[in-house]
Structure formats: C-alpha cells, structure tokens
Protein backbone atom coordinates (compact mmCIF):
# COMPACT_ATOMS: atom_id res chain seq x y z
CA UNK A 1 0.07 -0.12 -0.11
CA UNK A 2 1.37 3.35 -0.61
CA UNK A 3 0.86 5.51 2.38
CA UNK A 4 2.73 8.50 0.28
CA UNK A 5 0.66 11.77 0.32
CA UNK A 6 -0.72 12.36 -3.46
CA UNK A 7 0.44 16.04 -2.97
CA UNK A 8 3.96 15.31 -2.09
CA UNK A 9 4.42 12.51 -5.25
CA UNK A 10 6.19 13.98 -8.22
CA UNK A 11 4.31 14.66 -11.36
CA UNK A 12 5.43 12.62 -14.18
CA UNK A 13 6.69 13.87 -17.30
CA UNK A 14 6.66 12.69 -20.63
CA UNK A 15 9.02 13.38 -24.27
CA UNK A 16 5.64 13.11 -26.42
CA UNK A 17 7.16 13.81 -29.86
CA UNK A 18 10.36 14.59 -31.27
CA UNK A 19 11.27 16.45 -34.84
CA UNK A 20 14.07 17.46 -36.75
CA UNK A 21 15.59 18.88 -39.79
CA UNK A 22 18.59 18.45 -42.29
CA UNK A 23 19.46 21.59 -44.37
CA UNK A 24 19.91 21.38 -47.85
CA UNK A 25 21.07 18.31 -50.17
CA UNK A 26 23.80 15.82 -48.88
CA UNK A 27 27.26 16.79 -49.31
CA UNK A 28 29.43 13.96 -50.33
CA UNK A 29 33.20 13.23 -49.45
CA UNK A 30 34.56 13.74 -52.55
CA UNK A 31 34.51 17.64 -51.69
CA UNK A 32 37.02 17.09 -49.02
CA UNK A 33 39.27 14.66 -51.00
CA UNK A 34 40.33 17.42 -53.53
CA UNK A 35 41.55 19.62 -51.06
CA UNK A 36 42.78 16.75 -48.12
CA UNK A 37 46.20 16.84 -47.60
CA UNK A 38 48.67 14.07 -46.34
CA UNK A 39 47.96 13.84 -42.80
CA UNK A 40 48.30 10.96 -40.38
CA UNK A 41 45.70 12.10 -38.44
CA UNK A 42 43.85 11.25 -41.08
CA UNK A 43 44.09 7.35 -40.21
CA UNK A 44 43.00 7.92 -36.80
CA UNK A 45 39.62 6.17 -36.21
CA UNK A 46 38.31 9.22 -34.60
CA UNK A 47 38.49 11.01 -38.08
CA UNK A 48 37.16 7.95 -40.31
CA UNK A 49 34.92 10.44 -42.77
CA UNK A 50 31.07 9.41 -43.12
CA UNK A 51 30.11 8.56 -46.88
CA UNK A 52 27.49 11.65 -46.41
CA UNK A 53 27.07 15.24 -43.96
CA UNK A 54 24.39 18.16 -44.90
CA UNK A 55 25.78 22.02 -44.60
CA UNK A 56 23.60 24.82 -43.35
CA UNK A 57 23.77 27.66 -46.20
CA UNK A 58 25.96 30.27 -45.17
CA UNK A 59 22.45 33.00 -43.97
CA UNK A 60 20.69 30.20 -42.61
CA UNK A 61 20.49 31.11 -39.27
CA UNK A 62 19.91 28.89 -36.28
CA UNK A 63 16.24 30.07 -35.80
CA UNK A 64 15.82 29.13 -39.40
CA UNK A 65 16.84 25.57 -38.44
CA UNK A 66 14.55 25.48 -35.40
CA UNK A 67 11.71 26.85 -37.21
CA UNK A 68 12.23 24.26 -39.63
CA UNK A 69 12.51 21.55 -37.21
CA UNK A 70 9.30 22.20 -35.31
CA UNK A 71 7.61 21.82 -38.47
CA UNK A 72 6.97 18.47 -37.79
CA UNK A 73 5.19 18.81 -34.21
CA UNK A 74 3.32 21.69 -35.73
CA UNK A 75 2.00 19.31 -38.24
CA UNK A 76 1.49 16.49 -35.64
CA UNK A 77 0.41 18.56 -32.87
CA UNK A 78 -1.25 22.16 -34.32
CA UNK A 79 0.43 25.42 -34.10
CA UNK A 80 -2.19 26.28 -30.73
CA UNK A 81 0.21 23.42 -28.72
CA UNK A 82 3.41 25.27 -30.03
CA UNK A 83 2.10 28.92 -29.18
CA UNK A 84 0.83 27.38 -25.64
CA UNK A 85 4.75 26.53 -24.61
CA UNK A 86 5.46 27.28 -21.25
CA UNK A 87 9.34 26.78 -21.25
CA UNK A 88 11.87 27.22 -23.82
CA UNK A 89 15.22 25.95 -23.55
CA UNK A 90 17.61 26.02 -26.95
CA UNK A 91 20.98 25.01 -27.86
CA UNK A 92 23.59 26.07 -30.52
CA UNK A 93 26.97 25.01 -31.70
CA UNK A 94 27.83 28.26 -33.47
CA UNK A 95 25.65 30.98 -32.33
CA UNK A 96 24.74 33.43 -34.88
CA UNK A 97 24.47 36.18 -32.39
CA UNK A 98 27.95 36.05 -29.75
CA UNK A 99 25.95 38.04 -27.63
CA UNK A 100 22.43 36.74 -27.52
CA UNK A 101 21.10 33.26 -27.43
CA UNK A 102 18.56 32.51 -29.83
CA UNK A 103 15.79 31.51 -27.95
CA UNK A 104 13.61 35.05 -27.71
CA UNK A 105 13.78 35.54 -31.35
CA UNK A 106 12.80 31.28 -31.46
CA UNK A 107 9.95 32.09 -29.24
CA UNK A 108 8.77 35.29 -31.69
CA UNK A 109 9.24 33.11 -34.72
CA UNK A 110 6.93 30.08 -33.68
CA UNK A 111 4.41 32.44 -31.95
CA UNK A 112 5.02 31.83 -28.46
CA UNK A 113 5.00 33.49 -25.32
CA UNK A 114 6.97 31.16 -22.84
CA UNK A 115 7.49 32.34 -19.09
CA UNK A 116 10.58 30.34 -19.20
CA UNK A 117 13.24 31.05 -21.52
CA UNK A 118 16.99 29.59 -21.52
CA UNK A 119 19.70 29.23 -23.75
CA UNK A 120 21.42 25.98 -22.47
CA UNK A 121 25.46 25.96 -23.88
CA UNK A 122 27.59 23.77 -21.74
CA UNK A 123 25.48 20.66 -22.41
CA UNK A 124 27.75 19.97 -25.61
CA UNK A 125 26.85 16.62 -27.85
CA UNK A 126 24.92 15.53 -24.54
CA UNK A 127 22.25 18.75 -24.54
CA UNK A 128 19.32 17.04 -25.61
CA UNK A 129 19.83 14.85 -22.75
CA UNK A 130 20.88 17.90 -20.51
CA UNK A 131 17.71 19.65 -21.77
CA UNK A 132 15.40 16.89 -20.99
CA UNK A 133 16.65 16.87 -17.69
CA UNK A 134 16.05 20.86 -17.47
CA UNK A 135 12.51 20.66 -18.36
CA UNK A 136 11.66 17.79 -16.24
CA UNK A 137 12.64 19.80 -13.43
CA UNK A 138 11.10 22.64 -14.07
CA UNK A 139 7.70 21.14 -14.77
CA UNK A 140 7.84 18.62 -11.88
CA UNK A 141 8.29 21.95 -9.78
CA UNK A 142 6.41 24.94 -10.66
CA UNK A 143 3.20 24.95 -12.61
CA UNK A 144 4.63 24.66 -16.17
CA UNK A 145 2.88 21.90 -17.91
CA UNK A 146 4.58 21.63 -21.49
CA UNK A 147 8.46 22.77 -22.73
CA UNK A 148 9.99 22.68 -26.25
CA UNK A 149 13.60 21.76 -26.48
CA UNK A 150 15.76 22.44 -29.36
CA UNK A 151 19.24 21.57 -30.14
CA UNK A 152 20.97 22.77 -33.44
CA UNK A 153 24.44 21.88 -34.70
CA UNK A 154 24.89 24.33 -37.06
CA UNK A 155 29.17 24.72 -37.79
CA UNK A 156 30.06 22.21 -39.93
CA UNK A 157 29.57 24.20 -43.01
CA UNK A 158 30.58 27.48 -41.75
CA UNK A 159 33.55 26.52 -40.08
CA UNK A 160 34.51 23.06 -41.56
CA UNK A 161 34.99 24.56 -45.43
CA UNK A 162 37.17 27.09 -44.71
CA UNK A 163 39.85 27.03 -46.81
CA UNK A 164 42.79 26.13 -44.41
CA UNK A 165 39.98 24.04 -42.52
CA UNK A 166 38.61 21.92 -45.01
CA UNK A 167 42.20 20.46 -45.25
CA UNK A 168 42.15 18.86 -42.15
CA UNK A 169 41.47 15.16 -41.16
CA UNK A 170 38.48 16.12 -38.95
CA UNK A 171 37.02 18.44 -41.50
CA UNK A 172 34.40 15.80 -43.19
CA UNK A 173 33.30 14.48 -39.81
CA UNK A 174 30.32 17.01 -39.02
CA UNK A 175 27.36 17.58 -40.65
CA UNK A 176 24.53 20.29 -39.76
CA UNK A 177 21.14 19.59 -38.51
CA UNK A 178 18.51 20.49 -35.92
CA UNK A 179 16.10 18.13 -33.67
CA UNK A 180 13.28 19.17 -31.21
CA UNK A 181 11.66 17.84 -28.35
CA UNK A 182 8.22 18.36 -26.78
CA UNK A 183 8.07 17.54 -23.21
CA UNK A 184 4.67 17.70 -21.38
CA UNK A 185 3.49 17.38 -17.76
CA UNK A 186 1.83 14.33 -17.79
CA UNK A 187 2.25 10.41 -18.49
CA UNK A 188 1.84 9.10 -21.60
CA UNK A 189 5.22 8.48 -22.97
CA UNK A 190 7.14 8.96 -19.40
CA UNK A 191 10.58 9.84 -18.82
CA UNK A 192 11.92 7.21 -16.74
CA UNK A 193 15.18 8.41 -15.03
CA UNK A 194 17.95 10.77 -16.18
CA UNK A 195 21.37 11.00 -14.89
CA UNK A 196 23.53 14.27 -15.78
CA UNK A 197 27.04 14.26 -14.76
CA UNK A 198 29.74 16.59 -14.75
CA UNK A 199 33.43 15.79 -14.66
CA UNK A 200 35.14 19.35 -13.92
CA UNK A 201 38.82 17.11 -14.40
CA UNK A 202 38.27 17.07 -17.89
CA UNK A 203 37.43 20.74 -18.72
CA UNK A 204 39.38 23.02 -20.82
CA UNK A 205 40.98 19.99 -22.41
CA UNK A 206 38.83 20.91 -25.76
CA UNK A 207 40.84 23.89 -27.57
CA UNK A 208 39.26 26.55 -30.32
CA UNK A 209 42.26 27.63 -31.83
CA UNK A 210 42.53 30.00 -34.95
CA UNK A 211 46.38 28.55 -35.66
CA UNK A 212 48.13 31.67 -34.54
CA UNK A 213 47.78 33.89 -31.39
CA UNK A 214 45.05 36.09 -32.33
CA UNK A 215 41.88 35.87 -30.37
CA UNK A 216 38.81 34.87 -32.34
CA UNK A 217 37.21 38.49 -32.21
CA UNK A 218 40.22 40.10 -33.35
CA UNK A 219 40.95 40.88 -36.61
CA UNK A 220 43.81 39.11 -38.59
CA UNK A 221 44.41 36.22 -40.30
CA UNK A 222 43.96 32.62 -38.94
CA UNK A 223 40.81 30.45 -39.08
CA UNK A 224 39.19 29.39 -36.20
CA UNK A 225 38.30 25.68 -35.27
CA UNK A 226 38.36 23.01 -32.63
CA UNK A 227 42.20 22.05 -32.41
CA UNK A 228 43.22 18.13 -31.55
CA UNK A 229 46.50 16.49 -30.63
CA UNK A 230 47.29 12.68 -31.24
CA UNK A 231 47.89 12.49 -27.27
CA UNK A 232 44.15 14.69 -26.59
CA UNK A 233 42.46 12.49 -29.16
CA UNK A 234 43.76 9.64 -27.67
CA UNK A 235 42.09 10.72 -24.04
CA UNK A 236 38.67 11.24 -25.61
CA UNK A 237 38.68 8.43 -26.74
CA UNK A 238 39.33 6.55 -23.55
CA UNK A 239 36.77 8.61 -21.64
CA UNK A 240 33.73 8.71 -24.44
CA UNK A 241 34.28 4.88 -23.89
CA UNK A 242 33.42 4.84 -20.48
CA UNK A 243 31.53 7.61 -19.89
CA UNK A 244 28.85 7.03 -22.44
CA UNK A 245 28.01 2.96 -20.59
CA UNK A 246 28.61 4.86 -17.19
CA UNK A 247 25.94 6.72 -17.37
CA UNK A 248 24.00 4.60 -19.26
CA UNK A 249 23.90 1.94 -16.82
CA UNK A 250 23.52 4.20 -13.76
CA UNK A 251 20.04 4.80 -15.45
CA UNK A 252 19.13 0.81 -16.34
CA UNK A 253 20.26 0.20 -12.47
CA UNK A 254 17.48 2.68 -11.14
CA UNK A 255 14.63 1.77 -13.47
CA UNK A 256 15.29 -1.90 -12.82
CA UNK A 257 16.20 -3.06 -16.41
CA UNK A 258 19.43 -4.81 -17.86
CA UNK A 259 21.16 -3.26 -20.12
CA UNK A 260 20.60 -6.52 -22.42
CA UNK A 261 17.02 -5.76 -22.42
CA UNK A 262 16.84 -1.84 -23.15
CA UNK A 263 14.65 -2.27 -26.70
CA UNK A 264 16.61 1.16 -28.33
CA UNK A 265 20.00 2.88 -27.81
CA UNK A 266 20.43 6.10 -28.94
CA UNK A 267 23.76 8.51 -28.76
CA UNK A 268 24.95 10.60 -30.19
CA UNK A 269 27.03 9.88 -33.13
CA UNK A 270 30.53 10.85 -32.88
CA UNK A 271 32.22 7.80 -35.24
CA UNK A 272 31.69 4.32 -36.04
CA UNK A 273 34.11 2.69 -33.61
CA UNK A 274 32.50 4.38 -30.89
CA UNK A 275 28.93 3.30 -32.09
CA UNK A 276 30.14 -0.32 -31.90
CA UNK A 277 31.89 -0.34 -28.43
CA UNK A 278 28.70 1.42 -27.12
CA UNK A 279 26.65 -1.70 -28.04
CA UNK A 280 29.01 -4.00 -27.28
CA UNK A 281 29.46 -2.53 -23.68
CA UNK A 282 26.05 -2.70 -22.96
CA UNK A 283 25.68 -6.20 -24.20
CA UNK A 284 22.87 -5.14 -27.33
CA UNK A 285 22.81 -6.12 -31.00
CA UNK A 286 23.88 -2.97 -33.69
CA UNK A 287 20.04 -3.41 -34.91
CA UNK A 288 19.51 -2.07 -31.13
CA UNK A 289 21.26 0.95 -31.79
CA UNK A 290 20.40 3.30 -34.34
CA UNK A 291 23.39 4.33 -36.75
CA UNK A 292 22.55 7.90 -38.44
CA UNK A 293 26.73 8.61 -38.79
CA UNK A 294 27.02 7.83 -42.77
CA UNK A 295 24.06 9.57 -43.36
CA UNK A 296 24.45 12.91 -41.39
CA UNK A 297 28.23 12.97 -40.35
CA UNK A 298 28.58 13.85 -36.57
CA UNK A 299 25.92 16.30 -35.43
CA UNK A 300 26.82 16.68 -32.40
CA UNK A 301 24.38 17.85 -29.86
CA UNK A 302 21.33 17.06 -32.40
CA UNK A 303 22.83 13.26 -33.36
CA UNK A 304 20.04 12.03 -30.88
CA UNK A 305 16.96 13.72 -31.27
CA UNK A 306 17.87 13.37 -35.38
CA UNK A 307 18.31 9.72 -34.77
CA UNK A 308 15.11 9.26 -32.95
CA UNK A 309 13.04 11.60 -35.30
CA UNK A 310 14.32 9.31 -38.44
CA UNK A 311 13.91 5.64 -36.48
CA UNK A 312 10.07 7.08 -35.31
CA UNK A 313 9.09 8.35 -38.93
CA UNK A 314 10.49 4.98 -40.12
CA UNK A 315 8.21 2.75 -37.65
CA UNK A 316 10.91 1.18 -35.94
CA UNK A 317 10.22 2.66 -32.03
CA UNK A 318 7.34 0.57 -31.16
CA UNK A 319 5.25 2.30 -28.38
CA UNK A 320 5.72 1.28 -25.17
CA UNK A 321 9.63 0.05 -25.53
CA UNK A 322 12.13 1.37 -23.25
CA UNK A 323 14.53 4.15 -25.45
CA UNK A 324 17.34 4.83 -23.63
CA UNK A 325 19.80 7.59 -24.66
CA UNK A 326 23.22 8.50 -23.76
CA UNK A 327 26.13 10.72 -24.55
CA UNK A 328 29.09 12.65 -23.60
CA UNK A 329 30.35 15.92 -23.98
CA UNK A 330 33.21 17.57 -25.61
CA UNK A 331 36.41 15.96 -24.26
CA UNK A 332 34.85 14.39 -21.56
CA UNK A 333 33.43 17.42 -19.17
CA UNK A 334 29.70 16.08 -19.37
CA UNK A 335 27.98 12.97 -19.84
CA UNK A 336 24.35 12.21 -19.29
CA UNK A 337 21.43 9.28 -20.34
CA UNK A 338 17.84 9.04 -19.58
CA UNK A 339 15.49 6.73 -20.28
CA UNK A 340 11.76 6.87 -21.74
CA UNK A 341 8.72 4.77 -22.28
CA UNK A 342 8.28 5.87 -26.24
CA UNK A 343 5.25 6.78 -27.15
CA UNK A 344 5.68 9.93 -29.67
CA UNK A 345 3.13 10.57 -32.87
CA UNK A 346 4.22 9.66 -36.17
C-alpha cells in the first residue's frame, strides 16, 4: 500500500514527440578529398569520414533551423500547441550572435510566449539529455505544463569548409542539423529516469584555436576551429568509451532494467568505432543501436533527436518500448543518459 501523500508525489513528465531538420542536399566526401593533404591524423579512427553530411547555407540561422525542425511538431500537434509552450530551452553549437542566445527569437518566430526561456550551452553533444533533465525539473517544480527543447548543430558548413580547415582530417566528419522535442507534464510517454554528470577534471581539454596568437574576435589571419593533437584524441577516445556506458548503466540500474533488455539505444554519433564500442559495452546487438553517422556525419547535440526522429518516422520505435539515450560532451567534461517509455506521434 502507498502511504505517500498524493500532493507530495513528483508528477510524471513525458517526451511526447520529436522532430528534426537536415539542411540542403547531402554533401559527398569527395568535396573534402579534393582539398585534403597528407596527414597522419587522417588515419585515426576518430576521423574516418561518413559517406555524407549536410551543410547549412551561409545565411541560414539557428532560428531558421529550429523553425524548420519544429514544423513536424506543428503538423502533428497544431500550431496552437506550440503557442502555449511554457518553457523554451535552446542549445546552439555556433551562436549567430555571440552576445545573444536564440531563445527569444525562436519564441517570436513560433508565436510563443513562454514564461521560462533558457539558452543552454554547456551540454555539448549530450545537450538533448541535459535539456530533458532541465525541462523535467521545471515542469515538476512549477505550474508549467509544456516545454520545447531545441538543439542546433550549425558549424559544419561555416567552419569546416573554410579554405584552411577543409584540408584537415576532421573536416569531413561533422554535419549540420537540428532536432526538437516536446515535453509535457503527463504520463503518456514518461521519462523514466535521467542521469547527468559533470567532470570538471576534463574541462579545458578541448581547444578552439585560430592557429596563431589571434583571439577569435580579433581581426587578422587564421581560421578558427577546434584543434586536436594525437595525445588529446587518445584521451577523448578513452573517456568516451567509458562515460557513455557508465551513465547509461546507472539509469538502467535505477529503472530496474538490464542493459541488454533495452529495446533501443540512441547515442550521439561521433564515429563508427564509438558506436560499436558502446553497444558492445551494453551487451546490445547493433540493430538495436540506430546509426545515422553515414547519412549525417557527427551532428553533435542534434545527433540524438535526429536519430530518434529518423527511427520514429520509419516505424522502428514501438510504442511502449524502452528507449535509452546516452551521450558525452566535448573532451569528456559532461555526460548524460535518459530512459523513456516511448510513445511519440508519427
């Protein structure tokens, strides 16, 4: 018998739908091979190129991408549902305006008047899980009933096609895309548990460099990009192999499910070897770990929602099944996992 005061119980919160957007036509790897130079880093498994990726247009903004991704939610739930959103959370890989987040402009474009608007940056490739955690906390502790979370990866086109950068081993790996999720205070597709962890000891291990002394905001020569060394790549690979299963297993333990019994595992999609190692570590066959890497490249934070939407629209996510999401960010300073009882619309 449950003697808990019903007024003190934590209300259930659901991820009721996801939608996504990929910009433009697919860009083949041959675009990069025409510029590539001999580079020993190109042989590293971290930088083995996907078959394709998408690049956003020069004048396509993060707000444009969110609006186009949210069109799927509008089609299935109506514009009125979005207009009544209480909480808006956004994450943008490359802010169009370095001073402002895109949240208020997203709200204006989607005809929303949310009471809570947060532009969240530190979740990196695990931002979708991080923002699910934030949305759930706000919905459970306030009178808010609905939240929209939007993650935009938009740096592949503008950054990795720069004349000096497109020659590098890492240039063909990223792609651009956007994913959104609709979170509601109800029990229709409940979020079963979420684990988010920050690892301060790894902070600062990912560098952004202009390949010179110039700060990125200063005028002068040099093209900005995340820089890698072989020793740092080895560290990131070791951490990623450990962190994603670590947080995933913690969620499995708390919801009382063996990892091998999870119906679908959805992770960020940095490269083929990570994907193989992660489902092996969780004792899952490859067919239960969807892979969008060859079609989209590394979508960073957008990898989870784009993959979820791809699988859902293809009818491969069964309602009532347990979907486990897990990802790590940057050089390993953040990781998160979440389990959901799937029930999204198609």
